[in-house]
């Protein structure tokens, strides 16, 4: 038999592989199986090694895995954190790679200089409480930072009223009132049903007959579908989602957003020396 210590190490390795695969089930593929466990990684390698053991050894390994996890449950937390870190890193890489394409998208609503050194992209839903909370921060930046370009991406995911509000905002663009309608919807209270949306549209000076006709146009559906596809490709499944010069900030975390702005356009791999704190 193998020494207990060797089986314990194998058990821990197997446990880590199994934990990761439970968090994200492996996709089925038709690829050729690896020729040896040494060439595989993650749960595939763990499964290959387990199959190579005798039934008695497999039972011993499973018992050791259970005992190890019961004695040290932090292993599960470490595995989960490691998995989430890898997922976030991969997502950020996709966002950074897609940033220039997102900036050039013509079916979007942008404000500020086209040659701005900083671009802030926001995916949002008009029914999202966190998006409403972020509105003050966004509006203040738009009023005070003339060196930033702002791009708004409609991502109605919470309800039918979310989609209705998005359609109204997009249609308002045809009357030159997108930003007025966007701001009014983002600061409105209530359910944002059709009656309320049209009241808001009237309050910002929109022609309601034209708005209703424009809301029914297929181009509006195409715009929403395109922005949803962009969010899906970037694994942005919630709102708000901010992208600042290619860096993703999920949710409304003002400190993270401010940090992303501060480092936008700066080589963060070689940051400048930290300035000493000023005490009053």
C-alpha atoms as a PDB file:
ATOM      1  CA  UNK A   1       0.000   0.000   0.000  1.00  0.00           C
ATOM      2  CA  UNK A   2       0.988   3.651  -0.512  1.00  0.00           C
ATOM      3  CA  UNK A   3       2.033   5.617   2.548  1.00  0.00           C
ATOM      4  CA  UNK A   4      -0.846   7.437   4.238  1.00  0.00           C
ATOM      5  CA  UNK A   5       0.867  10.790   3.658  1.00  0.00           C
ATOM      6  CA  UNK A   6       0.931  10.234  -0.109  1.00  0.00           C
ATOM      7  CA  UNK A   7      -2.749   9.398  -0.159  1.00  0.00           C
ATOM      8  CA  UNK A   8      -3.499  12.466   1.977  1.00  0.00           C
ATOM      9  CA  UNK A   9      -1.771  14.723  -0.528  1.00  0.00           C
ATOM     10  CA  UNK A  10      -3.614  13.035  -3.347  1.00  0.00           C
ATOM     11  CA  UNK A  11      -6.870  13.477  -1.439  1.00  0.00           C
ATOM     12  CA  UNK A  12      -6.321  17.204  -1.069  1.00  0.00           C
ATOM     13  CA  UNK A  13      -5.503  17.521  -4.772  1.00  0.00           C
ATOM     14  CA  UNK A  14      -8.624  15.596  -5.693  1.00  0.00           C
ATOM     15  CA  UNK A  15     -10.717  17.668  -3.328  1.00  0.00           C
ATOM     16  CA  UNK A  16      -9.563  20.925  -4.875  1.00  0.00           C
ATOM     17  CA  UNK A  17     -10.316  19.617  -8.357  1.00  0.00           C
ATOM     18  CA  UNK A  18     -13.769  18.438  -7.353  1.00  0.00           C
ATOM     19  CA  UNK A  19     -14.631  21.701  -5.622  1.00  0.00           C
ATOM     20  CA  UNK A  20     -13.775  23.714  -8.716  1.00  0.00           C
ATOM     21  CA  UNK A  21     -15.809  21.511 -10.999  1.00  0.00           C
ATOM     22  CA  UNK A  22     -18.827  21.737  -8.683  1.00  0.00           C
ATOM     23  CA  UNK A  23     -18.662  25.546  -8.821  1.00  0.00           C
ATOM     24  CA  UNK A  24     -18.545  25.522 -12.595  1.00  0.00           C
ATOM     25  CA  UNK A  25     -19.573  22.244 -14.280  1.00  0.00           C
ATOM     26  CA  UNK A  26     -17.241  21.272 -17.063  1.00  0.00           C
ATOM     27  CA  UNK A  27     -18.631  21.574 -20.571  1.00  0.00           C
ATOM     28  CA  UNK A  28     -18.969  18.375 -22.570  1.00  0.00           C
ATOM     29  CA  UNK A  29     -16.683  18.280 -25.564  1.00  0.00           C
ATOM     30  CA  UNK A  30     -15.769  15.782 -28.229  1.00  0.00           C
ATOM     31  CA  UNK A  31     -12.072  16.329 -27.805  1.00  0.00           C
ATOM     32  CA  UNK A  32      -9.666  13.414 -27.593  1.00  0.00           C
ATOM     33  CA  UNK A  33      -8.953  12.266 -24.027  1.00  0.00           C
ATOM     34  CA  UNK A  34      -5.574  13.176 -22.603  1.00  0.00           C
ATOM     35  CA  UNK A  35      -2.936  10.498 -23.047  1.00  0.00           C
ATOM     36  CA  UNK A  36      -1.826  10.723 -19.435  1.00  0.00           C
ATOM     37  CA  UNK A  37      -2.949  12.365 -16.193  1.00  0.00           C
ATOM     38  CA  UNK A  38       0.178  14.514 -16.302  1.00  0.00           C
ATOM     39  CA  UNK A  39      -1.168  16.267 -19.373  1.00  0.00           C
ATOM     40  CA  UNK A  40      -4.529  17.107 -17.778  1.00  0.00           C
ATOM     41  CA  UNK A  41      -5.515  19.765 -15.298  1.00  0.00           C
ATOM     42  CA  UNK A  42      -8.212  20.478 -12.716  1.00  0.00           C
ATOM     43  CA  UNK A  43     -11.043  18.010 -12.215  1.00  0.00           C
ATOM     44  CA  UNK A  44     -10.053  16.005 -15.330  1.00  0.00           C
ATOM     45  CA  UNK A  45      -6.665  15.127 -13.832  1.00  0.00           C
ATOM     46  CA  UNK A  46      -8.293  14.305 -10.495  1.00  0.00           C
ATOM     47  CA  UNK A  47     -10.763  11.952 -12.150  1.00  0.00           C
ATOM     48  CA  UNK A  48      -8.021  10.245 -14.168  1.00  0.00           C
ATOM     49  CA  UNK A  49      -5.900   9.666 -11.074  1.00  0.00           C
ATOM     50  CA  UNK A  50      -8.880   8.339  -9.126  1.00  0.00           C
ATOM     51  CA  UNK A  51      -9.689   5.818 -11.869  1.00  0.00           C
ATOM     52  CA  UNK A  52      -6.116   4.517 -11.709  1.00  0.00           C
ATOM     53  CA  UNK A  53      -6.557   3.450  -8.061  1.00  0.00           C
ATOM     54  CA  UNK A  54      -7.956   0.183  -6.809  1.00  0.00           C
ATOM     55  CA  UNK A  55     -11.466   0.246  -5.283  1.00  0.00           C
ATOM     56  CA  UNK A  56      -9.907   0.018  -1.804  1.00  0.00           C
ATOM     57  CA  UNK A  57      -7.606   2.958  -2.527  1.00  0.00           C
ATOM     58  CA  UNK A  58     -10.501   4.986  -3.952  1.00  0.00           C
ATOM     59  CA  UNK A  59     -12.500   4.401  -0.784  1.00  0.00           C
ATOM     60  CA  UNK A  60      -9.517   5.445   1.334  1.00  0.00           C
ATOM     61  CA  UNK A  61      -9.040   8.606  -0.708  1.00  0.00           C
ATOM     62  CA  UNK A  62     -12.708   9.552  -0.400  1.00  0.00           C
ATOM     63  CA  UNK A  63     -12.570   9.003   3.355  1.00  0.00           C
ATOM     64  CA  UNK A  64      -9.452  11.145   3.604  1.00  0.00           C
ATOM     65  CA  UNK A  65     -11.058  13.881   1.520  1.00  0.00           C
ATOM     66  CA  UNK A  66     -14.044  13.949   3.831  1.00  0.00           C
ATOM     67  CA  UNK A  67     -11.888  13.922   6.966  1.00  0.00           C
ATOM     68  CA  UNK A  68      -9.637  16.669   5.568  1.00  0.00           C
ATOM     69  CA  UNK A  69     -12.561  18.930   4.643  1.00  0.00           C
ATOM     70  CA  UNK A  70     -14.309  18.360   7.962  1.00  0.00           C
ATOM     71  CA  UNK A  71     -11.111  19.158   9.850  1.00  0.00           C
ATOM     72  CA  UNK A  72     -10.195  22.105   7.612  1.00  0.00           C
ATOM     73  CA  UNK A  73     -13.355  23.594   6.053  1.00  0.00           C
ATOM     74  CA  UNK A  74     -11.373  26.702   5.080  1.00  0.00           C
ATOM     75  CA  UNK A  75     -10.121  24.646   2.133  1.00  0.00           C
ATOM     76  CA  UNK A  76     -13.537  25.093   0.532  1.00  0.00           C
ATOM     77  CA  UNK A  77     -13.422  28.856   1.029  1.00  0.00           C
ATOM     78  CA  UNK A  78      -9.906  29.023  -0.386  1.00  0.00           C
ATOM     79  CA  UNK A  79     -10.973  27.006  -3.413  1.00  0.00           C
ATOM     80  CA  UNK A  80     -14.009  29.213  -3.959  1.00  0.00           C
ATOM     81  CA  UNK A  81     -11.925  32.382  -3.676  1.00  0.00           C
ATOM     82  CA  UNK A  82      -9.354  30.986  -6.075  1.00  0.00           C
ATOM     83  CA  UNK A  83     -12.057  30.059  -8.573  1.00  0.00           C
ATOM     84  CA  UNK A  84     -13.739  33.475  -8.314  1.00  0.00           C
ATOM     85  CA  UNK A  85     -10.382  35.207  -8.716  1.00  0.00           C
ATOM     86  CA  UNK A  86      -9.638  33.266 -11.903  1.00  0.00           C
ATOM     87  CA  UNK A  87     -13.126  34.012 -13.225  1.00  0.00           C
ATOM     88  CA  UNK A  88     -12.751  37.733 -12.496  1.00  0.00           C
ATOM     89  CA  UNK A  89      -9.313  37.806 -14.128  1.00  0.00           C
ATOM     90  CA  UNK A  90     -10.648  36.114 -17.260  1.00  0.00           C
ATOM     91  CA  UNK A  91     -13.621  38.489 -17.381  1.00  0.00           C
ATOM     92  CA  UNK A  92     -11.386  41.540 -17.027  1.00  0.00           C
ATOM     93  CA  UNK A  93      -9.223  40.270 -19.867  1.00  0.00           C
ATOM     94  CA  UNK A  94     -12.299  39.933 -22.104  1.00  0.00           C
ATOM     95  CA  UNK A  95     -13.490  43.422 -21.151  1.00  0.00           C
ATOM     96  CA  UNK A  96     -10.081  44.965 -21.844  1.00  0.00           C
ATOM     97  CA  UNK A  97      -9.890  43.208 -25.224  1.00  0.00           C
ATOM     98  CA  UNK A  98     -13.391  44.399 -26.210  1.00  0.00           C
ATOM     99  CA  UNK A  99     -13.019  47.980 -24.962  1.00  0.00           C
ATOM    100  CA  UNK A 100     -12.040  49.607 -28.254  1.00  0.00           C
ATOM    101  CA  UNK A 101     -14.880  47.837 -30.067  1.00  0.00           C
ATOM    102  CA  UNK A 102     -17.349  48.997 -27.425  1.00  0.00           C
ATOM    103  CA  UNK A 103     -16.165  52.587 -27.849  1.00  0.00           C
ATOM    104  CA  UNK A 104     -16.760  52.454 -31.622  1.00  0.00           C
ATOM    105  CA  UNK A 105     -20.288  51.035 -31.390  1.00  0.00           C
ATOM    106  CA  UNK A 106     -22.562  53.400 -33.327  1.00  0.00           C
ATOM    107  CA  UNK A 107     -25.775  52.096 -31.733  1.00  0.00           C
ATOM    108  CA  UNK A 108     -25.034  53.708 -28.392  1.00  0.00           C
ATOM    109  CA  UNK A 109     -25.463  57.020 -26.651  1.00  0.00           C
ATOM    110  CA  UNK A 110     -22.292  58.953 -25.887  1.00  0.00           C
ATOM    111  CA  UNK A 111     -21.589  62.352 -24.389  1.00  0.00           C
ATOM    112  CA  UNK A 112     -18.336  64.242 -24.020  1.00  0.00           C
ATOM    113  CA  UNK A 113     -15.335  64.665 -26.313  1.00  0.00           C
ATOM    114  CA  UNK A 114     -14.756  61.786 -28.730  1.00  0.00           C
ATOM    115  CA  UNK A 115     -10.996  62.098 -28.155  1.00  0.00           C
ATOM    116  CA  UNK A 116     -11.254  62.084 -24.352  1.00  0.00           C
ATOM    117  CA  UNK A 117      -8.471  60.237 -22.564  1.00  0.00           C
ATOM    118  CA  UNK A 118     -10.982  58.602 -20.236  1.00  0.00           C
ATOM    119  CA  UNK A 119     -14.117  56.754 -21.316  1.00  0.00           C
ATOM    120  CA  UNK A 120     -16.752  55.593 -18.849  1.00  0.00           C
ATOM    121  CA  UNK A 121     -19.228  53.000 -20.117  1.00  0.00           C
ATOM    122  CA  UNK A 122     -22.253  52.113 -17.999  1.00  0.00           C
ATOM    123  CA  UNK A 123     -24.591  49.144 -18.461  1.00  0.00           C
ATOM    124  CA  UNK A 124     -27.773  49.890 -16.514  1.00  0.00           C
ATOM    125  CA  UNK A 125     -31.446  49.139 -15.908  1.00  0.00           C
ATOM    126  CA  UNK A 126     -33.927  51.899 -15.076  1.00  0.00           C
ATOM    127  CA  UNK A 127     -35.521  49.660 -12.438  1.00  0.00           C
ATOM    128  CA  UNK A 128     -32.211  48.966 -10.706  1.00  0.00           C
ATOM    129  CA  UNK A 129     -31.895  50.584  -7.274  1.00  0.00           C
ATOM    130  CA  UNK A 130     -28.100  50.532  -7.419  1.00  0.00           C
ATOM    131  CA  UNK A 131     -28.207  52.277 -10.803  1.00  0.00           C
ATOM    132  CA  UNK A 132     -30.375  54.964  -9.239  1.00  0.00           C
ATOM    133  CA  UNK A 133     -27.871  55.258  -6.383  1.00  0.00           C
ATOM    134  CA  UNK A 134     -25.045  55.699  -8.913  1.00  0.00           C
ATOM    135  CA  UNK A 135     -26.907  58.371 -10.879  1.00  0.00           C
ATOM    136  CA  UNK A 136     -25.788  61.221  -8.630  1.00  0.00           C
ATOM    137  CA  UNK A 137     -22.146  60.201  -8.992  1.00  0.00           C
ATOM    138  CA  UNK A 138     -22.461  59.894 -12.780  1.00  0.00           C
ATOM    139  CA  UNK A 139     -24.321  63.197 -13.142  1.00  0.00           C
ATOM    140  CA  UNK A 140     -21.728  64.996 -11.040  1.00  0.00           C
ATOM    141  CA  UNK A 141     -18.902  63.634 -13.163  1.00  0.00           C
ATOM    142  CA  UNK A 142     -20.662  64.692 -16.350  1.00  0.00           C
ATOM    143  CA  UNK A 143     -21.031  68.218 -14.969  1.00  0.00           C
ATOM    144  CA  UNK A 144     -17.505  68.607 -13.630  1.00  0.00           C
ATOM    145  CA  UNK A 145     -15.198  66.385 -15.711  1.00  0.00           C
ATOM    146  CA  UNK A 146     -15.003  67.639 -19.267  1.00  0.00           C
ATOM    147  CA  UNK A 147     -12.137  65.248 -19.971  1.00  0.00           C
ATOM    148  CA  UNK A 148     -14.373  62.166 -19.794  1.00  0.00           C
ATOM    149  CA  UNK A 149     -16.536  60.603 -22.477  1.00  0.00           C
ATOM    150  CA  UNK A 150     -19.644  58.850 -21.170  1.00  0.00           C
ATOM    151  CA  UNK A 151     -21.310  55.963 -23.009  1.00  0.00           C
ATOM    152  CA  UNK A 152     -24.663  54.570 -21.899  1.00  0.00           C
ATOM    153  CA  UNK A 153     -25.656  50.965 -22.572  1.00  0.00           C
ATOM    154  CA  UNK A 154     -29.286  49.997 -22.032  1.00  0.00           C
ATOM    155  CA  UNK A 155     -29.458  46.629 -20.265  1.00  0.00           C
ATOM    156  CA  UNK A 156     -33.091  46.040 -19.205  1.00  0.00           C
ATOM    157  CA  UNK A 157     -33.002  42.755 -17.297  1.00  0.00           C
ATOM    158  CA  UNK A 158     -35.235  43.190 -14.256  1.00  0.00           C
ATOM    159  CA  UNK A 159     -38.781  43.483 -15.578  1.00  0.00           C
ATOM    160  CA  UNK A 160     -41.014  44.281 -18.535  1.00  0.00           C
ATOM    161  CA  UNK A 161     -41.154  47.865 -17.304  1.00  0.00           C
ATOM    162  CA  UNK A 162     -37.352  47.968 -17.522  1.00  0.00           C
ATOM    163  CA  UNK A 163     -37.625  47.168 -21.216  1.00  0.00           C
ATOM    164  CA  UNK A 164     -40.452  49.659 -21.710  1.00  0.00           C
ATOM    165  CA  UNK A 165     -38.380  52.416 -20.106  1.00  0.00           C
ATOM    166  CA  UNK A 166     -35.355  51.497 -22.222  1.00  0.00           C
ATOM    167  CA  UNK A 167     -37.458  51.632 -25.391  1.00  0.00           C
ATOM    168  CA  UNK A 168     -38.720  55.094 -24.441  1.00  0.00           C
ATOM    169  CA  UNK A 169     -35.210  56.396 -23.753  1.00  0.00           C
ATOM    170  CA  UNK A 170     -33.875  55.032 -27.036  1.00  0.00           C
ATOM    171  CA  UNK A 171     -36.821  56.464 -28.954  1.00  0.00           C
ATOM    172  CA  UNK A 172     -36.273  59.844 -27.276  1.00  0.00           C
ATOM    173  CA  UNK A 173     -32.927  60.019 -29.086  1.00  0.00           C
ATOM    174  CA  UNK A 174     -34.807  60.680 -32.336  1.00  0.00           C
ATOM    175  CA  UNK A 175     -36.059  63.944 -30.810  1.00  0.00           C
ATOM    176  CA  UNK A 176     -32.644  64.884 -29.397  1.00  0.00           C
ATOM    177  CA  UNK A 177     -33.825  64.169 -25.856  1.00  0.00           C
ATOM    178  CA  UNK A 178     -32.052  60.944 -24.891  1.00  0.00           C
ATOM    179  CA  UNK A 179     -30.044  62.369 -22.008  1.00  0.00           C
ATOM    180  CA  UNK A 180     -33.020  64.341 -20.679  1.00  0.00           C
ATOM    181  CA  UNK A 181     -35.176  61.221 -20.725  1.00  0.00           C
ATOM    182  CA  UNK A 182     -32.396  59.073 -19.280  1.00  0.00           C
ATOM    183  CA  UNK A 183     -31.825  61.394 -16.343  1.00  0.00           C
ATOM    184  CA  UNK A 184     -35.548  61.746 -15.668  1.00  0.00           C
ATOM    185  CA  UNK A 185     -36.088  57.974 -15.702  1.00  0.00           C
ATOM    186  CA  UNK A 186     -33.052  57.355 -13.538  1.00  0.00           C
ATOM    187  CA  UNK A 187     -34.257  59.756 -10.857  1.00  0.00           C
ATOM    188  CA  UNK A 188     -37.942  58.793 -10.996  1.00  0.00           C
ATOM    189  CA  UNK A 189     -39.666  56.957  -8.177  1.00  0.00           C
ATOM    190  CA  UNK A 190     -42.388  54.419  -8.704  1.00  0.00           C
ATOM    191  CA  UNK A 191     -43.006  51.362 -10.845  1.00  0.00           C
ATOM    192  CA  UNK A 192     -42.172  53.017 -14.183  1.00  0.00           C
ATOM    193  CA  UNK A 193     -45.297  51.677 -15.843  1.00  0.00           C
ATOM    194  CA  UNK A 194     -46.389  52.925 -19.240  1.00  0.00           C
ATOM    195  CA  UNK A 195     -48.492  55.773 -17.861  1.00  0.00           C
ATOM    196  CA  UNK A 196     -45.646  57.068 -15.681  1.00  0.00           C
ATOM    197  CA  UNK A 197     -43.090  56.762 -18.494  1.00  0.00           C
ATOM    198  CA  UNK A 198     -45.251  58.835 -20.832  1.00  0.00           C
ATOM    199  CA  UNK A 199     -45.779  61.442 -18.083  1.00  0.00           C
ATOM    200  CA  UNK A 200     -42.008  61.671 -17.699  1.00  0.00           C
ATOM    201  CA  UNK A 201     -41.595  61.936 -21.465  1.00  0.00           C
ATOM    202  CA  UNK A 202     -44.081  64.785 -21.597  1.00  0.00           C
ATOM    203  CA  UNK A 203     -42.315  66.558 -18.717  1.00  0.00           C
ATOM    204  CA  UNK A 204     -39.016  66.650 -20.653  1.00  0.00           C
ATOM    205  CA  UNK A 205     -40.685  68.062 -23.749  1.00  0.00           C
ATOM    206  CA  UNK A 206     -41.100  64.969 -25.919  1.00  0.00           C
ATOM    207  CA  UNK A 207     -43.833  64.677 -28.540  1.00  0.00           C
ATOM    208  CA  UNK A 208     -45.729  61.641 -27.270  1.00  0.00           C
ATOM    209  CA  UNK A 209     -47.247  60.602 -30.596  1.00  0.00           C
ATOM    210  CA  UNK A 210     -43.847  60.550 -32.237  1.00  0.00           C
ATOM    211  CA  UNK A 211     -42.286  58.845 -29.217  1.00  0.00           C
ATOM    212  CA  UNK A 212     -44.848  56.025 -29.280  1.00  0.00           C
ATOM    213  CA  UNK A 213     -44.313  55.529 -33.011  1.00  0.00           C
ATOM    214  CA  UNK A 214     -40.529  55.454 -32.602  1.00  0.00           C
ATOM    215  CA  UNK A 215     -40.746  53.011 -29.675  1.00  0.00           C
ATOM    216  CA  UNK A 216     -42.457  50.508 -31.992  1.00  0.00           C
ATOM    217  CA  UNK A 217     -39.694  50.598 -34.599  1.00  0.00           C
ATOM    218  CA  UNK A 218     -37.563  47.447 -35.071  1.00  0.00           C
ATOM    219  CA  UNK A 219     -34.392  49.512 -34.697  1.00  0.00           C
ATOM    220  CA  UNK A 220     -35.198  49.935 -31.012  1.00  0.00           C
ATOM    221  CA  UNK A 221     -35.392  46.158 -30.557  1.00  0.00           C
ATOM    222  CA  UNK A 222     -32.121  45.760 -32.426  1.00  0.00           C
ATOM    223  CA  UNK A 223     -30.395  48.336 -30.226  1.00  0.00           C
ATOM    224  CA  UNK A 224     -31.486  46.618 -27.018  1.00  0.00           C
ATOM    225  CA  UNK A 225     -30.600  43.176 -28.384  1.00  0.00           C
ATOM    226  CA  UNK A 226     -27.145  44.364 -29.417  1.00  0.00           C
ATOM    227  CA  UNK A 227     -26.372  45.838 -26.012  1.00  0.00           C
ATOM    228  CA  UNK A 228     -27.643  42.713 -24.257  1.00  0.00           C
ATOM    229  CA  UNK A 229     -25.374  40.614 -26.466  1.00  0.00           C
ATOM    230  CA  UNK A 230     -22.409  42.793 -25.555  1.00  0.00           C
ATOM    231  CA  UNK A 231     -23.168  42.352 -21.853  1.00  0.00           C
ATOM    232  CA  UNK A 232     -23.547  38.585 -22.273  1.00  0.00           C
ATOM    233  CA  UNK A 233     -20.233  38.309 -24.127  1.00  0.00           C
ATOM    234  CA  UNK A 234     -18.540  40.139 -21.261  1.00  0.00           C
ATOM    235  CA  UNK A 235     -20.344  38.114 -18.557  1.00  0.00           C
ATOM    236  CA  UNK A 236     -22.029  41.252 -17.246  1.00  0.00           C
ATOM    237  CA  UNK A 237     -25.136  39.734 -15.718  1.00  0.00           C
ATOM    238  CA  UNK A 238     -26.084  42.515 -13.311  1.00  0.00           C
ATOM    239  CA  UNK A 239     -26.418  46.253 -13.185  1.00  0.00           C
ATOM    240  CA  UNK A 240     -24.836  48.670 -12.963  1.00  0.00           C
ATOM    241  CA  UNK A 241     -21.715  47.535 -14.744  1.00  0.00           C
ATOM    242  CA  UNK A 242     -19.076  50.207 -15.342  1.00  0.00           C
ATOM    243  CA  UNK A 243     -16.125  49.962 -17.705  1.00  0.00           C
ATOM    244  CA  UNK A 244     -13.513  52.687 -17.242  1.00  0.00           C
ATOM    245  CA  UNK A 245     -10.788  52.634 -19.909  1.00  0.00           C
ATOM    246  CA  UNK A 246     -11.144  48.873 -20.194  1.00  0.00           C
ATOM    247  CA  UNK A 247     -11.391  48.115 -16.474  1.00  0.00           C
ATOM    248  CA  UNK A 248     -14.616  46.574 -15.196  1.00  0.00           C
ATOM    249  CA  UNK A 249     -16.217  47.722 -11.950  1.00  0.00           C
ATOM    250  CA  UNK A 250     -19.276  45.605 -11.162  1.00  0.00           C
ATOM    251  CA  UNK A 251     -21.976  47.324  -9.146  1.00  0.00           C
ATOM    252  CA  UNK A 252     -21.924  50.759  -7.596  1.00  0.00           C
ATOM    253  CA  UNK A 253     -18.820  50.919  -5.431  1.00  0.00           C
ATOM    254  CA  UNK A 254     -17.797  54.556  -5.441  1.00  0.00           C
ATOM    255  CA  UNK A 255     -14.360  53.886  -3.988  1.00  0.00           C
ATOM    256  CA  UNK A 256     -13.560  51.350  -6.694  1.00  0.00           C
ATOM    257  CA  UNK A 257     -14.917  53.684  -9.355  1.00  0.00           C
ATOM    258  CA  UNK A 258     -12.830  56.583  -8.086  1.00  0.00           C
ATOM    259  CA  UNK A 259      -9.733  54.366  -8.034  1.00  0.00           C
ATOM    260  CA  UNK A 260     -10.433  53.237 -11.592  1.00  0.00           C
ATOM    261  CA  UNK A 261     -10.730  56.862 -12.687  1.00  0.00           C
ATOM    262  CA  UNK A 262      -7.531  57.805 -10.877  1.00  0.00           C
ATOM    263  CA  UNK A 263      -5.565  55.096 -12.683  1.00  0.00           C
ATOM    264  CA  UNK A 264      -7.262  55.472 -16.076  1.00  0.00           C
ATOM    265  CA  UNK A 265      -4.579  55.915 -18.686  1.00  0.00           C
ATOM    266  CA  UNK A 266      -1.855  55.238 -16.135  1.00  0.00           C
ATOM    267  CA  UNK A 267       0.498  52.270 -16.324  1.00  0.00           C
ATOM    268  CA  UNK A 268      -0.539  50.598 -13.080  1.00  0.00           C
ATOM    269  CA  UNK A 269       2.226  48.002 -13.473  1.00  0.00           C
ATOM    270  CA  UNK A 270       4.696  50.797 -12.655  1.00  0.00           C
ATOM    271  CA  UNK A 271       2.762  53.239 -10.445  1.00  0.00           C
ATOM    272  CA  UNK A 272       4.231  56.566  -9.326  1.00  0.00           C
ATOM    273  CA  UNK A 273       5.511  56.824  -5.741  1.00  0.00           C
ATOM    274  CA  UNK A 274       2.751  57.248  -3.187  1.00  0.00           C
ATOM    275  CA  UNK A 275       2.314  60.749  -1.872  1.00  0.00           C
ATOM    276  CA  UNK A 276       2.465  61.209   1.903  1.00  0.00           C
ATOM    277  CA  UNK A 277      -0.869  61.731   3.616  1.00  0.00           C
ATOM    278  CA  UNK A 278      -1.715  65.326   4.392  1.00  0.00           C
ATOM    279  CA  UNK A 279      -2.997  65.831   7.883  1.00  0.00           C
ATOM    280  CA  UNK A 280      -4.917  68.952   8.796  1.00  0.00           C
END
